[in-house]
């Protein structure tokens, strides 16, 4: 009976080790100046900043110079909205091509 308990405990320990090794998530880091990497295509910080500058200019032209910092919902500015959605849009553009 004791031998069976030891065998069971050893088997459970082995299973736990295998499960934890299988669940380990490997992360890939992106290089310096890279905002995101989609498959093998990198979106540079410079590219992101250039697109954001275009959006900022568009917003200021349409709605006025202070529109970028205008609150559009509680805790959300128009500029913050564009900053949060721009990266998603750039990623989708890469995935769709």
N, C-alpha and C. Protein backbone atom coordinates (compact mmCIF):
# COMPACT_ATOMS: atom_id res chain seq x y z
N UNK A 1 0.83 -1.19 0.00
CA UNK A 1 0.00 0.00 0.00
C UNK A 1 0.87 1.26 0.00
N UNK A 2 1.94 1.25 0.79
CA UNK A 2 2.84 2.40 0.85
C UNK A 2 3.55 2.58 -0.48
N UNK A 3 3.92 1.46 -1.12
CA UNK A 3 4.60 1.54 -2.40
C UNK A 3 3.66 2.14 -3.46
N UNK A 4 2.40 1.80 -3.41
CA UNK A 4 1.42 2.35 -4.35
C UNK A 4 1.25 3.85 -4.14
N UNK A 5 1.26 4.29 -2.88
CA UNK A 5 1.13 5.73 -2.59
C UNK A 5 2.34 6.49 -3.11
N UNK A 6 3.54 5.91 -2.94
CA UNK A 6 4.76 6.55 -3.43
C UNK A 6 4.73 6.65 -4.95
N UNK A 7 4.31 5.57 -5.59
CA UNK A 7 4.24 5.56 -7.05
C UNK A 7 3.23 6.60 -7.54
N UNK A 8 2.10 6.67 -6.88
CA UNK A 8 1.08 7.65 -7.24
C UNK A 8 1.60 9.08 -7.03
N UNK A 9 2.28 9.32 -5.91
CA UNK A 9 2.83 10.64 -5.63
C UNK A 9 3.88 11.02 -6.66
N UNK A 10 4.72 10.07 -7.04
CA UNK A 10 5.74 10.32 -8.05
C UNK A 10 5.10 10.62 -9.41
N UNK A 11 4.07 9.86 -9.76
CA UNK A 11 3.37 10.07 -11.02
C UNK A 11 2.70 11.44 -11.05
N UNK A 12 2.09 11.84 -9.93
CA UNK A 12 1.46 13.16 -9.85
C UNK A 12 2.50 14.27 -9.97
N UNK A 13 3.63 14.09 -9.31
CA UNK A 13 4.70 15.09 -9.39
C UNK A 13 5.21 15.22 -10.82
N UNK A 14 5.36 14.10 -11.50
CA UNK A 14 5.80 14.11 -12.89
C UNK A 14 4.78 14.81 -13.78
N UNK A 15 3.51 14.52 -13.57
CA UNK A 15 2.44 15.17 -14.34
C UNK A 15 2.44 16.68 -14.12
N UNK A 16 2.60 17.10 -12.88
CA UNK A 16 2.62 18.54 -12.56
C UNK A 16 3.80 19.22 -13.25
N UNK A 17 4.95 18.56 -13.27
CA UNK A 17 6.13 19.12 -13.92
C UNK A 17 5.89 19.26 -15.41
N UNK A 18 5.34 18.24 -16.03
CA UNK A 18 5.07 18.29 -17.47
C UNK A 18 4.03 19.35 -17.81
N UNK A 19 3.01 19.47 -17.00
CA UNK A 19 1.97 20.47 -17.24
C UNK A 19 2.53 21.88 -17.12
N UNK A 20 3.33 22.12 -16.10
CA UNK A 20 3.88 23.47 -15.92
C UNK A 20 4.86 23.80 -17.04
N UNK A 21 5.60 22.82 -17.53
CA UNK A 21 6.51 23.07 -18.65
C UNK A 21 5.74 23.34 -19.93
N UNK A 22 4.65 22.65 -20.14
CA UNK A 22 3.84 22.84 -21.35
C UNK A 22 3.12 24.18 -21.35
N UNK A 23 2.80 24.70 -20.19
CA UNK A 23 2.06 25.95 -20.09
C UNK A 23 2.96 27.17 -20.10
N UNK A 24 4.26 26.97 -20.09
CA UNK A 24 5.17 28.09 -20.06
C UNK A 24 5.06 28.87 -21.36
N UNK A 25 4.81 30.15 -21.25
CA UNK A 25 4.65 31.00 -22.42
C UNK A 25 5.99 31.61 -22.77
N UNK A 26 6.39 31.43 -23.99
CA UNK A 26 7.64 32.02 -24.44
C UNK A 26 7.32 33.35 -25.09
N UNK A 27 7.98 34.39 -24.64
CA UNK A 27 7.74 35.71 -25.20
C UNK A 27 8.90 36.10 -26.09
N UNK A 28 8.57 36.77 -27.16
CA UNK A 28 9.59 37.24 -28.08
C UNK A 28 9.67 38.75 -27.91
N UNK A 29 10.85 39.24 -27.67
CA UNK A 29 11.02 40.67 -27.48
C UNK A 29 11.25 41.32 -28.84
N UNK A 30 10.81 42.54 -28.95
CA UNK A 30 11.04 43.30 -30.17
C UNK A 30 12.24 44.20 -29.94
N UNK A 31 12.86 44.60 -31.02
CA UNK A 31 14.07 45.40 -30.93
C UNK A 31 13.81 46.83 -30.49
N UNK A 32 14.89 47.52 -30.27
CA UNK A 32 14.85 48.93 -29.86
C UNK A 32 14.20 49.75 -30.97
N UNK A 33 13.29 50.61 -30.62
CA UNK A 33 12.62 51.47 -31.60
C UNK A 33 11.51 50.78 -32.37
N UNK A 34 11.15 49.57 -31.95
CA UNK A 34 10.08 48.84 -32.62
C UNK A 34 8.85 48.88 -31.74
N UNK A 35 7.76 49.38 -32.27
CA UNK A 35 6.50 49.49 -31.52
C UNK A 35 5.79 48.16 -31.45
N UNK A 36 5.80 47.39 -32.56
CA UNK A 36 5.15 46.08 -32.59
C UNK A 36 5.75 45.26 -33.72
N UNK A 37 5.58 43.95 -33.60
CA UNK A 37 6.04 43.04 -34.65
C UNK A 37 4.87 42.14 -35.01
N UNK A 38 4.51 42.13 -36.29
CA UNK A 38 3.40 41.32 -36.79
C UNK A 38 3.99 40.32 -37.77
N UNK A 39 3.94 39.04 -37.39
CA UNK A 39 4.61 37.99 -38.16
C UNK A 39 6.08 38.40 -38.32
N UNK A 40 6.55 38.68 -39.51
CA UNK A 40 7.94 39.10 -39.70
C UNK A 40 8.06 40.58 -40.00
N UNK A 41 6.97 41.31 -39.94
CA UNK A 41 6.97 42.74 -40.25
C UNK A 41 6.97 43.55 -38.96
N UNK A 42 7.89 44.50 -38.90
CA UNK A 42 7.99 45.36 -37.72
C UNK A 42 7.33 46.71 -38.00
N UNK A 43 6.68 47.23 -36.98
CA UNK A 43 6.14 48.59 -37.01
C UNK A 43 7.05 49.41 -36.11
N UNK A 44 7.78 50.33 -36.72
CA UNK A 44 8.75 51.11 -35.95
C UNK A 44 8.05 52.21 -35.16
N UNK A 45 8.73 52.66 -34.12
CA UNK A 45 8.21 53.78 -33.33
C UNK A 45 8.10 55.02 -34.21
N UNK A 46 9.07 55.18 -35.12
CA UNK A 46 9.05 56.34 -36.02
C UNK A 46 7.83 56.29 -36.94
N UNK A 47 7.53 55.13 -37.50
CA UNK A 47 6.36 54.98 -38.36
C UNK A 47 5.08 55.29 -37.58
N UNK A 48 4.99 54.77 -36.35
CA UNK A 48 3.83 55.04 -35.50
C UNK A 48 3.69 56.54 -35.24
N UNK A 49 4.81 57.18 -34.89
CA UNK A 49 4.78 58.62 -34.59
C UNK A 49 4.38 59.44 -35.82
N UNK A 50 4.85 59.02 -37.01
CA UNK A 50 4.49 59.74 -38.23
C UNK A 50 2.99 59.64 -38.51
N UNK A 51 2.43 58.46 -38.35
CA UNK A 51 0.99 58.29 -38.55
C UNK A 51 0.20 59.09 -37.51
N UNK A 52 0.67 59.08 -36.28
CA UNK A 52 -0.01 59.82 -35.22
C UNK A 52 0.03 61.32 -35.50
N UNK A 53 1.15 61.81 -36.04
CA UNK A 53 1.25 63.23 -36.37
C UNK A 53 0.25 63.61 -37.46
N UNK A 54 0.03 62.71 -38.42
CA UNK A 54 -0.96 62.97 -39.48
C UNK A 54 -2.35 63.07 -38.87
N UNK A 55 -2.68 62.15 -37.98
CA UNK A 55 -3.99 62.19 -37.32
C UNK A 55 -4.15 63.46 -36.49
N UNK A 56 -3.08 63.85 -35.79
CA UNK A 56 -3.16 65.05 -34.96
C UNK A 56 -3.40 66.28 -35.83
N UNK A 57 -2.69 66.36 -36.95
CA UNK A 57 -2.87 67.49 -37.86
C UNK A 57 -4.30 67.51 -38.42
N UNK A 58 -4.82 66.33 -38.77
CA UNK A 58 -6.18 66.23 -39.30
C UNK A 58 -7.20 66.70 -38.26
N UNK A 59 -7.05 66.24 -37.02
CA UNK A 59 -7.98 66.61 -35.96
C UNK A 59 -7.92 68.11 -35.69
N UNK A 60 -6.71 68.67 -35.63
CA UNK A 60 -6.57 70.09 -35.36
C UNK A 60 -7.11 70.93 -36.51
N UNK A 61 -6.99 70.44 -37.74
CA UNK A 61 -7.52 71.16 -38.90
C UNK A 61 -9.05 71.16 -38.89
N UNK A 62 -9.63 70.01 -38.56
CA UNK A 62 -11.09 69.90 -38.59
C UNK A 62 -11.77 70.52 -37.38
N UNK A 63 -11.18 70.35 -36.20
CA UNK A 63 -11.88 70.73 -34.96
C UNK A 63 -11.22 71.85 -34.16
N UNK A 64 -10.06 72.32 -34.58
CA UNK A 64 -9.40 73.40 -33.87
C UNK A 64 -8.13 72.92 -33.17
N UNK A 65 -7.30 73.90 -32.79
CA UNK A 65 -5.99 73.60 -32.23
C UNK A 65 -6.03 72.85 -30.91
N UNK A 66 -7.05 73.05 -30.11
CA UNK A 66 -7.10 72.40 -28.80
C UNK A 66 -7.92 71.11 -28.81
N UNK A 67 -8.37 70.67 -29.98
CA UNK A 67 -9.24 69.49 -30.05
C UNK A 67 -8.53 68.21 -29.64
N UNK A 68 -7.22 68.12 -29.85
CA UNK A 68 -6.48 66.90 -29.54
C UNK A 68 -6.59 66.55 -28.05
N UNK A 69 -6.64 67.57 -27.21
CA UNK A 69 -6.71 67.36 -25.76
C UNK A 69 -8.13 67.44 -25.22
N UNK A 70 -9.10 67.61 -26.09
CA UNK A 70 -10.49 67.71 -25.67
C UNK A 70 -11.01 66.35 -25.21
N UNK A 71 -11.72 66.35 -24.09
CA UNK A 71 -12.27 65.12 -23.54
C UNK A 71 -13.53 64.73 -24.31
N UNK A 72 -13.53 63.50 -24.85
CA UNK A 72 -14.68 63.03 -25.63
C UNK A 72 -15.57 62.09 -24.82
N UNK A 73 -15.03 61.53 -23.77
CA UNK A 73 -15.79 60.73 -22.81
C UNK A 73 -15.02 60.80 -21.50
N UNK A 74 -15.62 60.43 -20.39
CA UNK A 74 -14.92 60.55 -19.11
C UNK A 74 -13.56 59.84 -19.12
N UNK A 75 -12.50 60.62 -18.94
CA UNK A 75 -11.15 60.08 -18.89
C UNK A 75 -10.54 59.77 -20.24
N UNK A 76 -11.19 60.14 -21.33
CA UNK A 76 -10.70 59.81 -22.68
C UNK A 76 -10.67 61.08 -23.53
N UNK A 77 -9.47 61.45 -23.99
CA UNK A 77 -9.35 62.59 -24.90
C UNK A 77 -9.36 62.09 -26.33
N UNK A 78 -9.57 63.02 -27.25
CA UNK A 78 -9.56 62.65 -28.66
C UNK A 78 -8.18 62.13 -29.07
N UNK A 79 -7.14 62.79 -28.58
CA UNK A 79 -5.77 62.33 -28.86
C UNK A 79 -5.52 60.95 -28.26
N UNK A 80 -5.99 60.73 -27.06
CA UNK A 80 -5.84 59.42 -26.43
C UNK A 80 -6.55 58.33 -27.19
N UNK A 81 -7.70 58.67 -27.75
CA UNK A 81 -8.44 57.70 -28.57
C UNK A 81 -7.61 57.29 -29.78
N UNK A 82 -7.06 58.28 -30.49
CA UNK A 82 -6.26 57.97 -31.67
C UNK A 82 -4.99 57.20 -31.30
N UNK A 83 -4.38 57.55 -30.18
CA UNK A 83 -3.18 56.84 -29.74
C UNK A 83 -3.48 55.37 -29.44
N UNK A 84 -4.63 55.11 -28.86
CA UNK A 84 -4.96 53.73 -28.48
C UNK A 84 -5.44 52.90 -29.66
N UNK A 85 -5.99 53.52 -30.69
CA UNK A 85 -6.50 52.74 -31.82
C UNK A 85 -5.54 52.68 -33.01
N UNK A 86 -4.56 53.57 -33.05
CA UNK A 86 -3.66 53.61 -34.20
C UNK A 86 -2.86 52.32 -34.35
N UNK A 87 -2.31 51.80 -33.27
CA UNK A 87 -1.51 50.58 -33.37
C UNK A 87 -2.36 49.41 -33.86
N UNK A 88 -3.58 49.32 -33.37
CA UNK A 88 -4.48 48.26 -33.85
C UNK A 88 -4.72 48.40 -35.35
N UNK A 89 -4.88 49.62 -35.82
CA UNK A 89 -5.13 49.85 -37.24
C UNK A 89 -3.90 49.47 -38.07
N UNK A 90 -2.71 49.84 -37.61
CA UNK A 90 -1.49 49.50 -38.34
C UNK A 90 -1.30 47.98 -38.41
N UNK A 91 -1.61 47.30 -37.33
CA UNK A 91 -1.50 45.84 -37.30
C UNK A 91 -2.50 45.22 -38.28
N UNK A 92 -3.72 45.72 -38.28
CA UNK A 92 -4.74 45.19 -39.21
C UNK A 92 -4.33 45.44 -40.66
N UNK A 93 -3.73 46.60 -40.94
CA UNK A 93 -3.27 46.88 -42.30
C UNK A 93 -2.25 45.85 -42.76
N UNK A 94 -1.35 45.46 -41.87
CA UNK A 94 -0.34 44.46 -42.22
C UNK A 94 -0.99 43.10 -42.42
N UNK A 95 -1.91 42.75 -41.55
CA UNK A 95 -2.56 41.44 -41.66
C UNK A 95 -3.42 41.31 -42.90
N UNK A 96 -3.99 42.42 -43.37
CA UNK A 96 -4.88 42.38 -44.53
C UNK A 96 -4.12 42.40 -45.85
N UNK A 97 -2.83 42.69 -45.83
CA UNK A 97 -2.06 42.72 -47.09
C UNK A 97 -1.35 41.42 -47.33
